[in-house]
Amino acid sequence: MKVLLIHPNKFSQRYVSVGIGMISASLKKNGHEVKYVDTSRYAKNEDNYSNLQITKMEEVLQFIPAILPSIKKKNQPVIDALFSEIKSFNPRLIGFTSTSSEFSYVKSIVKKIKRHFNIPIIVGGPHATVAPIEAIIADGIDMVCVGEGESAIVELAESLELNDNRTDIKNIYFKKDNKIIKNKIRSYENINKLPFLDLDIFDKFHHIGAYQGKKVVYGRFETSRGCPYKCSYCINEKLHQIYHFEKSHMRFKSPERIIEELKWGMKKIKFDILRFVDETFTATPYDRLVEFVRLYRIEINKPMIIATRPERVNNKIMRVIRDANDNIQVTMGIESGSENIRKKICQRMMTNKTIIDAFHVCHDLDFRTASFNMIGLPDETREDFLKTIQVNREARVEQPMLSYFYPFPGTKLRDYCIKKGYIKNEFHEVDYAVSSVLNMPHFSQKEIDGLKRTFVLYVKMDSSYFYDIQKAEQDDTTFNQMAKIYNELFLQKKSS
């Protein structure tokens, strides 16, 4: 059976979607034919968001600019291109993945498709998981997939191929005769038994990105799934509720399986650097980690980027990882330097000392470090955010990254923001890299924007510059002057 998979990539992001790649691989393994469409590959992206997210990050100095090849695009509107693909491919099922930021775009596309084609449409991904009812009631959407979708999509494809009209497939909600049929959730996937990520559906531009001012080819792979934590702003808290019957929310691939997939991936795309998508890489059991690193050094030995949490960093674990390659970046979430905001609002219970010590362990072992931070958290004040700057400074973070807090549907903090009157109970289209959506009288949007664009300056530059940096929060001329100095101090020598 033929399945058309669509990524509504309105921000034209250059990355391989591991989720889509795994859905495609599972379908192909079971004999189905897959066609993949990335909407950003067409010149006239209807919502005109092309490269907005990347541009916003570069504007606030979070990345060293690199000259990347232009993505080759077809000169036709997205909807015309999709109509052409549907007519030529003739799929029996159309599947969309969608974040909350992309969902209104999905709805507009689905509505137009349904005017001309009577083909079942399913939506999966983060938004369908955290807000399945909101997703399925949208015009033209027939089904949503809640949680992991590899086994569910295969079962659905087989049902459609047999024309048996099943509506009892676990993980899938169906809309039939204006009624919603909610089905139970199946157990977590056994990730060791899943097929390798389907890399064939992606073009070369999906793999190309920037790293330290240079063009690189990224390999994106997972060695584990899940997160043991339940931060109040994150989808994982919702996943813990959905999979409440599971004893553990972490699953790990065997070292041998990981290496086998990476060797296969190297032949496919010849990547320069690996970006592991695991949320907590160092949660891997110690013995498994030791064996993985041993095999990695022998068989792969490529630079890599991993993400973890400060509580999961210590000398013993990081010394093991240090042996994997000479060039490794460790990224950890600080989120807020205010212990009150971090613990009470974010439900992240580590102390500032734990965070700072974790970064120092990494520096002592010669890892490159990066941090995730947020601004505009509910109840946050300027004084709270200055603590975020201070913790990053004390941690000596090499690449501090900052995004606006975004109250994603299905999270505790969204409900909290509605209760406090910071947002209305409605969908917000703005992406977390672009703007804040909260209205907090004690921390204005203007002040948040100013601190957002000067954050890296505050963290990286000597405190003798602070007077001018504070002026640069609102004064464009001063900001440009400070950015020039920053570039001379930190960027030019690293990218040369």
Protein backbone atom coordinates (compact mmCIF):
# COMPACT_ATOMS: atom_id res chain seq x y z
CA MET A 1 0.00 0.00 0.00
CA LYS A 2 1.15 3.56 -0.72
CA VAL A 3 1.58 6.08 2.11
CA LEU A 4 2.40 9.77 1.63
CA LEU A 5 4.23 11.32 4.59
CA ILE A 6 4.28 15.12 4.87
CA HIS A 7 6.46 17.34 7.07
CA PRO A 8 4.90 20.83 7.34
CA ASN A 9 8.32 22.41 7.69
CA LYS A 10 7.25 26.03 7.74
CA PHE A 11 10.49 27.22 9.33
CA SER A 12 12.58 25.52 6.61
CA GLN A 13 14.71 23.75 9.17
CA ARG A 14 17.55 21.61 7.84
CA TYR A 15 17.32 18.44 9.83
CA VAL A 16 16.42 14.79 9.52
CA SER A 17 13.21 14.07 11.42
CA VAL A 18 14.01 10.84 13.24
CA GLY A 19 10.30 10.31 13.92
CA ILE A 20 9.34 10.46 10.25
CA GLY A 21 12.35 8.36 9.31
CA MET A 22 11.30 5.63 11.74
CA ILE A 23 7.68 5.65 10.55
CA SER A 24 8.85 5.32 6.95
CA ALA A 25 11.29 2.54 7.84
CA SER A 26 8.58 0.59 9.66
CA LEU A 27 6.17 0.89 6.75
CA LYS A 28 8.79 -0.17 4.20
CA LYS A 29 9.88 -3.11 6.33
CA ASN A 30 6.32 -4.39 6.15
CA GLY A 31 6.07 -4.08 2.38
CA HIS A 32 4.46 -0.67 1.99
CA GLU A 33 5.58 2.07 -0.39
CA VAL A 34 6.40 5.49 1.04
CA LYS A 35 6.69 8.94 -0.49
CA TYR A 36 7.98 11.85 1.63
CA VAL A 37 7.36 15.55 1.10
CA ASP A 38 9.02 18.38 3.02
CA THR A 39 6.96 21.52 2.38
CA SER A 40 9.99 23.80 2.68
CA ARG A 41 11.32 22.38 -0.60
CA TYR A 42 8.93 24.62 -2.51
CA ALA A 43 9.69 28.26 -3.22
CA LYS A 44 6.33 29.64 -2.25
CA ASN A 45 5.82 28.43 1.28
CA GLU A 46 2.37 29.84 2.02
CA ASP A 47 3.06 31.07 5.54
CA ASN A 48 6.35 32.76 4.53
CA TYR A 49 8.33 31.52 7.54
CA SER A 50 11.41 30.50 5.53
CA ASN A 51 14.55 30.44 7.71
CA LEU A 52 12.93 32.70 10.32
CA GLN A 53 13.93 30.55 13.28
CA ILE A 54 17.55 30.16 12.19
CA THR A 55 17.79 33.87 11.39
CA LYS A 56 16.49 34.83 14.81
CA MET A 57 19.09 32.65 16.52
CA GLU A 58 21.93 34.09 14.46
CA GLU A 59 20.74 37.63 15.24
CA VAL A 60 21.36 37.03 18.94
CA LEU A 61 24.82 35.52 18.38
CA GLN A 62 23.93 31.99 19.44
CA PHE A 63 25.62 30.41 16.45
CA ILE A 64 28.73 31.18 14.47
CA PRO A 65 27.48 31.94 10.96
CA ALA A 66 28.50 29.49 8.27
CA ILE A 67 28.01 29.62 4.53
CA LEU A 68 25.61 26.80 3.72
CA PRO A 69 24.46 25.76 0.25
CA SER A 70 21.04 27.08 -0.69
CA ILE A 71 18.28 24.51 -0.53
CA LYS A 72 17.11 23.69 -4.03
CA LYS A 73 13.41 24.48 -4.26
CA LYS A 74 10.77 23.91 -6.86
CA ASN A 75 9.11 27.08 -8.06
CA GLN A 76 5.50 26.29 -7.22
CA PRO A 77 3.15 26.81 -4.28
CA VAL A 78 3.17 24.10 -1.63
CA ILE A 79 -0.45 23.09 -2.16
CA ASP A 80 0.01 22.76 -5.93
CA ALA A 81 3.05 20.58 -5.34
CA LEU A 82 1.14 18.39 -2.89
CA PHE A 83 -1.74 18.01 -5.35
CA SER A 84 0.75 16.89 -8.00
CA GLU A 85 2.34 14.39 -5.64
CA ILE A 86 -1.04 12.98 -4.63
CA LYS A 87 -2.18 12.60 -8.23
CA SER A 88 1.02 10.91 -9.38
CA PHE A 89 1.63 8.73 -6.31
CA ASN A 90 -2.03 7.92 -5.58
CA PRO A 91 -1.62 7.12 -1.86
CA ARG A 92 -4.18 5.21 0.21
CA LEU A 93 -3.12 7.11 3.35
CA ILE A 94 -1.66 10.57 4.02
CA GLY A 95 0.27 11.14 7.25
CA PHE A 96 1.38 14.44 8.76
CA THR A 97 3.77 14.99 11.64
CA SER A 98 3.17 18.19 13.57
CA THR A 99 4.48 20.21 16.47
CA SER A 100 2.08 22.62 18.14
CA SER A 101 3.75 25.51 16.30
CA GLU A 102 3.04 23.80 12.97
CA PHE A 103 -0.51 22.66 13.59
CA SER A 104 -2.41 25.61 12.15
CA TYR A 105 -0.33 25.18 8.98
CA VAL A 106 -1.29 21.49 8.92
CA LYS A 107 -4.97 22.37 9.26
CA SER A 108 -4.84 24.76 6.33
CA ILE A 109 -3.16 22.17 4.10
CA VAL A 110 -5.49 19.36 5.16
CA LYS A 111 -8.57 21.43 4.44
CA LYS A 112 -7.39 22.10 0.89
CA ILE A 113 -6.46 18.48 0.26
CA LYS A 114 -9.84 17.24 1.41
CA ARG A 115 -11.64 19.52 -1.04
CA HIS A 116 -10.15 17.54 -3.92
CA PHE A 117 -9.20 14.10 -2.58
CA ASN A 118 -11.09 11.55 -0.52
CA ILE A 119 -8.02 10.02 1.15
CA PRO A 120 -7.76 9.19 4.88
CA ILE A 121 -5.50 11.61 6.76
CA ILE A 122 -3.71 10.89 10.02
CA VAL A 123 -1.70 13.34 12.13
CA GLY A 124 1.03 12.23 14.53
CA GLY A 125 3.91 13.86 16.34
CA PRO A 126 4.06 16.01 19.49
CA HIS A 127 0.83 17.97 19.00
CA ALA A 128 -1.33 14.93 18.34
CA THR A 129 0.14 13.31 21.45
CA VAL A 130 -0.41 16.19 23.87
CA ALA A 131 -3.68 17.50 22.38
CA PRO A 132 -5.33 14.61 20.50
CA ILE A 133 -8.89 15.91 20.78
CA GLU A 134 -7.95 19.39 19.58
CA ALA A 135 -6.16 17.76 16.65
CA ILE A 136 -8.82 15.28 15.59
CA ILE A 137 -11.75 17.70 15.64
CA ALA A 138 -10.06 19.79 12.94
CA ASP A 139 -11.76 19.62 9.55
CA GLY A 140 -10.38 16.90 7.31
CA ILE A 141 -8.35 15.05 9.94
CA ASP A 142 -9.66 11.50 10.23
CA MET A 143 -7.23 10.04 12.76
CA VAL A 144 -4.50 11.02 15.19
CA CYS A 145 -1.68 8.90 16.58
CA VAL A 146 -1.03 9.32 20.30
CA GLY A 147 2.46 8.40 21.48
CA GLU A 148 4.83 6.20 19.50
CA GLY A 149 3.63 5.34 16.02
CA GLU A 150 5.80 2.69 14.38
CA SER A 151 3.60 -0.34 15.16
CA ALA A 152 0.36 1.65 15.00
CA ILE A 153 0.95 3.01 11.49
CA VAL A 154 1.83 -0.45 10.18
CA GLU A 155 -1.33 -1.91 11.66
CA LEU A 156 -3.37 0.94 10.18
CA ALA A 157 -1.82 0.47 6.73
CA GLU A 158 -2.60 -3.24 6.81
CA SER A 159 -6.19 -2.50 7.82
CA LEU A 160 -6.67 -0.02 4.98
CA GLU A 161 -5.13 -2.45 2.52
CA LEU A 162 -7.63 -5.12 3.58
CA ASN A 163 -10.53 -2.62 3.57
CA ASP A 164 -11.70 -4.01 6.93
CA ASN A 165 -12.58 -0.55 8.35
CA ARG A 166 -11.02 -1.24 11.74
CA THR A 167 -11.34 1.48 14.36
CA ASP A 168 -9.82 -0.43 17.30
CA ILE A 169 -6.12 0.11 16.60
CA LYS A 170 -4.19 0.99 19.74
CA ASN A 171 -2.56 4.46 19.88
CA ILE A 172 -4.94 5.77 17.21
CA TYR A 173 -8.04 7.90 17.73
CA PHE A 174 -10.59 7.71 14.92
CA LYS A 175 -13.29 10.18 13.86
CA LYS A 176 -16.32 8.36 12.48
CA ASP A 177 -19.89 9.61 11.99
CA ASN A 178 -18.97 12.78 13.93
CA LYS A 179 -17.92 10.70 16.91
CA ILE A 180 -14.42 10.25 18.31
CA ILE A 181 -13.23 6.73 19.04
CA LYS A 182 -10.43 6.68 21.61
CA ASN A 183 -8.32 3.54 21.71
CA LYS A 184 -5.99 2.22 24.36
CA ILE A 185 -2.26 2.82 24.33
CA ARG A 186 0.01 -0.08 23.44
CA SER A 187 3.25 -0.78 25.31
CA TYR A 188 6.38 1.12 24.38
CA GLU A 189 8.15 -0.02 21.24
CA ASN A 190 11.06 -2.43 21.63
CA ILE A 191 13.60 -0.14 20.02
CA ASN A 192 16.13 -2.92 19.53
CA LYS A 193 13.73 -4.65 17.16
CA LEU A 194 12.80 -1.59 15.09
CA PRO A 195 14.34 -1.18 11.62
CA PHE A 196 17.15 1.26 10.96
CA LEU A 197 16.17 4.87 10.38
CA ASP A 198 15.09 5.39 6.75
CA LEU A 199 17.62 7.87 5.36
CA ASP A 200 16.63 7.37 1.73
CA ILE A 201 13.59 9.66 1.94
CA PHE A 202 15.65 12.74 2.86
CA ASP A 203 17.63 14.92 0.45
CA LYS A 204 21.21 16.02 1.04
CA PHE A 205 20.13 19.41 2.39
CA HIS A 206 18.45 17.75 5.37
CA HIS A 207 21.86 16.59 6.58
CA ILE A 208 23.86 19.79 6.08
CA GLY A 209 24.22 22.24 8.95
CA ALA A 210 26.62 24.56 10.74
CA TYR A 211 28.99 23.67 13.55
CA GLN A 212 31.45 26.23 14.91
CA GLY A 213 31.33 28.33 11.76
CA LYS A 214 31.83 25.45 9.36
CA LYS A 215 29.53 23.50 7.07
CA VAL A 216 29.15 19.93 8.26
CA VAL A 217 27.11 16.86 7.42
CA TYR A 218 25.16 15.73 10.48
CA GLY A 219 24.12 12.21 11.34
CA ARG A 220 21.08 12.20 13.64
CA PHE A 221 20.47 8.94 15.48
CA GLU A 222 18.98 7.71 18.72
CA THR A 223 20.64 5.32 21.19
CA SER A 224 17.76 5.45 23.66
CA ARG A 225 14.21 6.71 24.07
CA GLY A 226 12.46 8.39 26.92
CA CYS A 227 13.25 10.65 29.82
CA PRO A 228 12.96 9.82 33.53
CA TYR A 229 12.05 13.41 34.42
CA LYS A 230 8.77 15.32 34.31
CA CYS A 231 9.57 18.99 33.73
CA SER A 232 6.42 21.07 33.75
CA TYR A 233 7.08 22.66 30.34
CA CYS A 234 7.88 19.44 28.49
CA ILE A 235 6.00 16.72 26.60
CA ASN A 236 7.62 14.04 28.75
CA GLU A 237 5.31 14.77 31.66
CA LYS A 238 2.38 14.02 29.33
CA LEU A 239 4.07 10.85 28.06
CA HIS A 240 4.45 9.62 31.63
CA GLN A 241 0.68 10.02 32.02
CA ILE A 242 -0.12 8.32 28.71
CA TYR A 243 2.22 5.40 29.45
CA HIS A 244 1.39 5.26 33.16
CA PHE A 245 1.34 1.46 33.07
CA GLU A 246 5.03 1.23 32.10
CA LYS A 247 7.54 0.53 34.86
CA SER A 248 10.26 2.57 33.18
CA HIS A 249 10.12 5.41 30.68
CA MET A 250 13.69 4.79 29.49
CA ARG A 251 14.71 2.24 26.87
CA PHE A 252 18.19 1.61 25.52
CA LYS A 253 19.50 0.09 22.33
CA SER A 254 22.26 -2.47 22.75
CA PRO A 255 25.76 -1.17 21.99
CA GLU A 256 26.07 -3.64 19.13
CA ARG A 257 22.79 -2.49 17.58
CA ILE A 258 23.81 1.18 17.82
CA ILE A 259 27.16 0.61 16.17
CA GLU A 260 25.60 -1.49 13.42
CA GLU A 261 23.15 1.30 12.60
CA LEU A 262 25.84 3.99 12.71
CA LYS A 263 28.12 2.02 10.36
CA TRP A 264 25.17 1.60 8.00
CA GLY A 265 24.41 5.33 8.29
CA MET A 266 28.00 6.30 7.51
CA LYS A 267 27.77 4.48 4.20
CA LYS A 268 24.49 6.23 3.41
CA ILE A 269 25.36 9.85 4.14
CA LYS A 270 29.07 10.02 5.09
CA PHE A 271 28.42 12.32 8.07
CA ASP A 272 31.09 14.51 9.69
CA ILE A 273 29.56 14.69 13.15
CA LEU A 274 26.93 12.73 15.06
CA ARG A 275 24.12 14.50 16.87
CA PHE A 276 22.50 11.98 19.16
CA VAL A 277 18.85 12.87 19.77
CA ASP A 278 18.66 11.14 23.17
CA GLU A 279 17.26 13.49 25.78
CA THR A 280 19.44 12.14 28.60
CA PHE A 281 22.42 10.41 27.01
CA THR A 282 24.19 9.72 30.31
CA ALA A 283 21.16 7.86 31.71
CA THR A 284 22.51 4.81 29.87
CA PRO A 285 23.45 2.02 32.32
CA TYR A 286 27.17 2.20 33.09
CA ASP A 287 28.20 -1.21 31.71
CA ARG A 288 26.27 -0.57 28.49
CA LEU A 289 27.92 2.84 28.14
CA VAL A 290 31.40 1.37 28.60
CA GLU A 291 30.80 -1.18 25.87
CA PHE A 292 29.25 1.39 23.53
CA VAL A 293 32.23 3.73 23.90
CA ARG A 294 34.70 0.89 23.33
CA LEU A 295 32.97 -0.10 20.09
CA TYR A 296 32.41 3.53 19.03
CA ARG A 297 36.09 4.39 19.29
CA ILE A 298 37.04 1.39 17.16
CA GLU A 299 34.24 1.38 14.58
CA ILE A 300 33.05 5.02 14.30
CA ASN A 301 35.36 7.52 16.01
CA LYS A 302 33.51 10.61 14.79
CA PRO A 303 32.92 13.90 16.66
CA MET A 304 29.59 13.90 18.44
CA ILE A 305 27.07 16.05 20.26
CA ILE A 306 25.17 14.67 23.24
CA ALA A 307 22.53 16.12 25.56
CA THR A 308 22.07 15.29 29.22
CA ARG A 309 21.18 16.74 32.62
CA PRO A 310 23.48 18.12 35.31
CA GLU A 311 22.32 15.47 37.82
CA ARG A 312 23.53 12.79 35.41
CA VAL A 313 27.06 14.13 35.09
CA ASN A 314 29.98 12.94 37.20
CA ASN A 315 33.67 12.19 36.70
CA LYS A 316 33.18 8.43 36.39
CA ILE A 317 30.61 8.63 33.58
CA MET A 318 32.20 11.50 31.70
CA ARG A 319 35.66 9.87 31.74
CA VAL A 320 34.13 6.92 29.95
CA ILE A 321 32.48 9.14 27.31
CA ARG A 322 35.71 11.11 26.89
CA ASP A 323 37.27 8.04 25.27
CA ALA A 324 34.70 7.95 22.44
CA ASN A 325 36.31 10.76 20.42
CA ASP A 326 38.56 13.78 20.88
CA ASN A 327 35.82 16.21 19.81
CA ILE A 328 32.61 15.96 21.87
CA GLN A 329 30.06 18.62 22.81
CA VAL A 330 27.93 18.16 25.92
CA THR A 331 24.70 20.17 26.05
CA MET A 332 22.80 20.56 29.32
CA GLY A 333 19.66 22.42 30.30
CA ILE A 334 20.05 25.20 32.84
CA GLU A 335 16.70 26.78 31.84
CA SER A 336 16.72 29.27 34.73
CA GLY A 337 19.43 30.39 37.12
CA SER A 338 16.80 31.23 39.72
CA GLU A 339 16.44 28.20 41.96
CA ASN A 340 12.96 29.39 42.91
CA ILE A 341 11.79 29.60 39.27
CA ARG A 342 13.58 26.41 38.27
CA LYS A 343 12.17 24.33 41.13
CA LYS A 344 8.74 25.86 41.64
CA ILE A 345 7.86 26.66 38.02
CA CYS A 346 9.95 24.24 35.93
CA GLN A 347 9.99 21.32 38.39
CA ARG A 348 13.73 20.89 37.93
CA MET A 349 15.04 20.20 41.42
CA MET A 350 18.81 20.49 40.98
CA THR A 351 20.72 23.27 42.74
CA ASN A 352 22.84 25.91 41.04
CA LYS A 353 25.90 24.20 42.53
CA THR A 354 24.95 20.92 40.84
CA ILE A 355 24.67 22.73 37.51
CA ILE A 356 27.93 24.63 37.83
CA ASP A 357 29.83 21.56 39.06
CA ALA A 358 28.54 19.49 36.11
CA PHE A 359 29.83 22.02 33.58
CA HIS A 360 33.17 22.21 35.39
CA VAL A 361 33.51 18.42 35.25
CA CYS A 362 33.02 18.64 31.48
CA HIS A 363 35.54 21.45 31.08
CA ASP A 364 38.12 19.64 33.19
CA LEU A 365 37.82 16.69 30.81
CA ASP A 366 38.07 18.95 27.74
CA PHE A 367 34.51 18.61 26.47
CA ARG A 368 32.99 21.54 24.62
CA THR A 369 29.87 22.74 26.48
CA ALA A 370 26.55 24.28 25.52
CA SER A 371 23.51 25.17 27.58
CA PHE A 372 19.77 25.46 27.03
CA ASN A 373 18.09 28.42 28.75
CA MET A 374 14.66 30.06 28.66
CA ILE A 375 13.48 33.61 29.14
CA GLY A 376 9.96 34.79 29.89
CA LEU A 377 9.04 31.90 32.18
CA PRO A 378 5.81 32.46 34.11
CA ASP A 379 6.38 34.64 37.22
CA GLU A 380 9.97 35.33 36.13
CA THR A 381 11.38 38.82 36.76
CA ARG A 382 14.40 40.64 35.40
CA GLU A 383 16.23 39.80 38.62
CA ASP A 384 15.48 36.10 38.09
CA PHE A 385 16.85 36.21 34.58
CA LEU A 386 20.02 37.98 35.69
CA LYS A 387 20.62 34.87 37.81
CA THR A 388 20.40 32.78 34.63
CA ILE A 389 23.15 34.94 33.16
CA GLN A 390 25.22 34.56 36.32
CA VAL A 391 24.93 30.75 36.47
CA ASN A 392 26.01 30.49 32.82
CA ARG A 393 28.98 32.73 33.59
CA GLU A 394 30.01 30.73 36.65
CA ALA A 395 29.58 27.49 34.68
CA ARG A 396 31.82 28.92 31.93
CA VAL A 397 29.43 27.71 29.24
CA GLU A 398 31.04 27.95 25.83
CA GLN A 399 27.84 28.11 23.78
CA PRO A 400 24.94 29.51 25.81
CA MET A 401 21.63 29.18 23.94
CA LEU A 402 18.43 30.97 24.83
CA SER A 403 14.84 30.54 23.69
CA TYR A 404 11.61 32.17 24.69
CA PHE A 405 9.47 30.09 27.02
CA TYR A 406 6.52 28.67 25.09
CA PRO A 407 3.44 27.27 26.87
CA PHE A 408 2.95 24.11 24.85
CA PRO A 409 -0.50 22.46 24.89
CA GLY A 410 -0.75 19.53 27.27
CA THR A 411 1.83 20.87 29.73
CA LYS A 412 1.31 21.97 33.33
CA LEU A 413 2.82 25.36 32.64
CA ARG A 414 0.29 26.11 29.92
CA ASP A 415 -2.53 25.55 32.42
CA TYR A 416 -0.65 27.69 34.94
CA CYS A 417 -0.23 30.54 32.44
CA ILE A 418 -3.94 30.48 31.62
CA LYS A 419 -4.83 30.50 35.31
CA LYS A 420 -2.53 33.47 35.99
CA GLY A 421 -3.87 35.39 32.99
CA TYR A 422 -0.52 35.44 31.17
CA ILE A 423 -2.13 33.92 28.07
CA LYS A 424 -5.66 33.31 26.85
CA ASN A 425 -6.91 29.77 26.34
CA GLU A 426 -6.29 29.82 22.61
CA PHE A 427 -3.66 28.60 20.18
CA HIS A 428 -0.56 30.71 19.67
CA GLU A 429 1.21 30.46 16.34
CA VAL A 430 4.50 32.07 17.41
CA ASP A 431 7.52 29.78 17.65
CA TYR A 432 9.71 29.71 20.76
CA ALA A 433 12.72 31.04 18.83
CA VAL A 434 10.80 34.04 17.53
CA SER A 435 8.84 35.73 20.29
CA SER A 436 7.24 35.34 23.71
CA VAL A 437 3.47 34.93 23.91
CA LEU A 438 3.11 35.71 27.61
CA ASN A 439 1.73 39.01 28.86
CA MET A 440 3.35 39.62 32.26
CA PRO A 441 3.07 43.18 33.64
CA HIS A 442 6.15 42.67 35.86
CA PHE A 443 8.36 41.55 32.93
CA SER A 444 7.44 43.34 29.73
CA GLN A 445 7.86 41.99 26.22
CA LYS A 446 10.22 44.86 25.42
CA GLU A 447 12.47 44.01 28.35
CA ILE A 448 12.37 40.29 27.52
CA ASP A 449 13.35 40.98 23.89
CA GLY A 450 16.22 43.21 24.97
CA LEU A 451 17.65 40.63 27.34
CA LYS A 452 17.12 37.91 24.74
CA ARG A 453 19.31 39.61 22.15
CA THR A 454 22.06 40.57 24.62
CA PHE A 455 22.13 37.29 26.58
CA VAL A 456 25.25 35.88 24.94
CA LEU A 457 27.03 39.22 25.40
CA TYR A 458 26.24 39.19 29.13
CA VAL A 459 27.39 35.58 29.53
CA LYS A 460 30.58 35.67 27.50
CA MET A 461 31.98 39.17 27.79
CA ASP A 462 33.88 40.71 30.70
CA SER A 463 31.72 42.46 33.29
CA SER A 464 33.43 45.76 32.42
CA TYR A 465 31.18 45.77 29.33
CA PHE A 466 27.94 45.40 31.31
CA TYR A 467 27.03 49.09 31.23
CA ASP A 468 27.18 49.16 27.43
CA ILE A 469 25.45 45.77 27.12
CA GLN A 470 22.54 47.02 29.21
CA LYS A 471 22.27 50.02 26.92
CA ALA A 472 22.40 47.63 23.94
CA GLU A 473 19.26 45.88 25.18
CA GLN A 474 17.20 48.68 23.62
CA ASP A 475 19.64 50.69 21.50
CA ASP A 476 20.40 49.17 18.09
CA THR A 477 23.55 51.19 17.46
CA THR A 478 25.09 50.13 20.76
CA PHE A 479 24.03 46.51 20.17
CA ASN A 480 25.74 46.47 16.78
CA GLN A 481 28.90 47.93 18.33
CA MET A 482 28.91 45.32 21.10
CA ALA A 483 28.18 42.52 18.64
CA LYS A 484 31.20 43.61 16.59
CA ILE A 485 33.44 43.48 19.65
CA TYR A 486 32.00 40.09 20.61
CA ASN A 487 32.65 38.80 17.12
CA GLU A 488 36.27 39.92 17.27
CA LEU A 489 36.76 38.38 20.70
CA PHE A 490 35.03 35.04 20.25
CA LEU A 491 33.81 34.21 16.77
CA GLN A 492 36.48 35.14 14.24
CA LYS A 493 39.27 33.20 15.91
CA LYS A 494 37.06 30.09 16.34
CA SER A 495 35.76 30.02 12.77
CA SER A 496 39.16 30.73 11.17
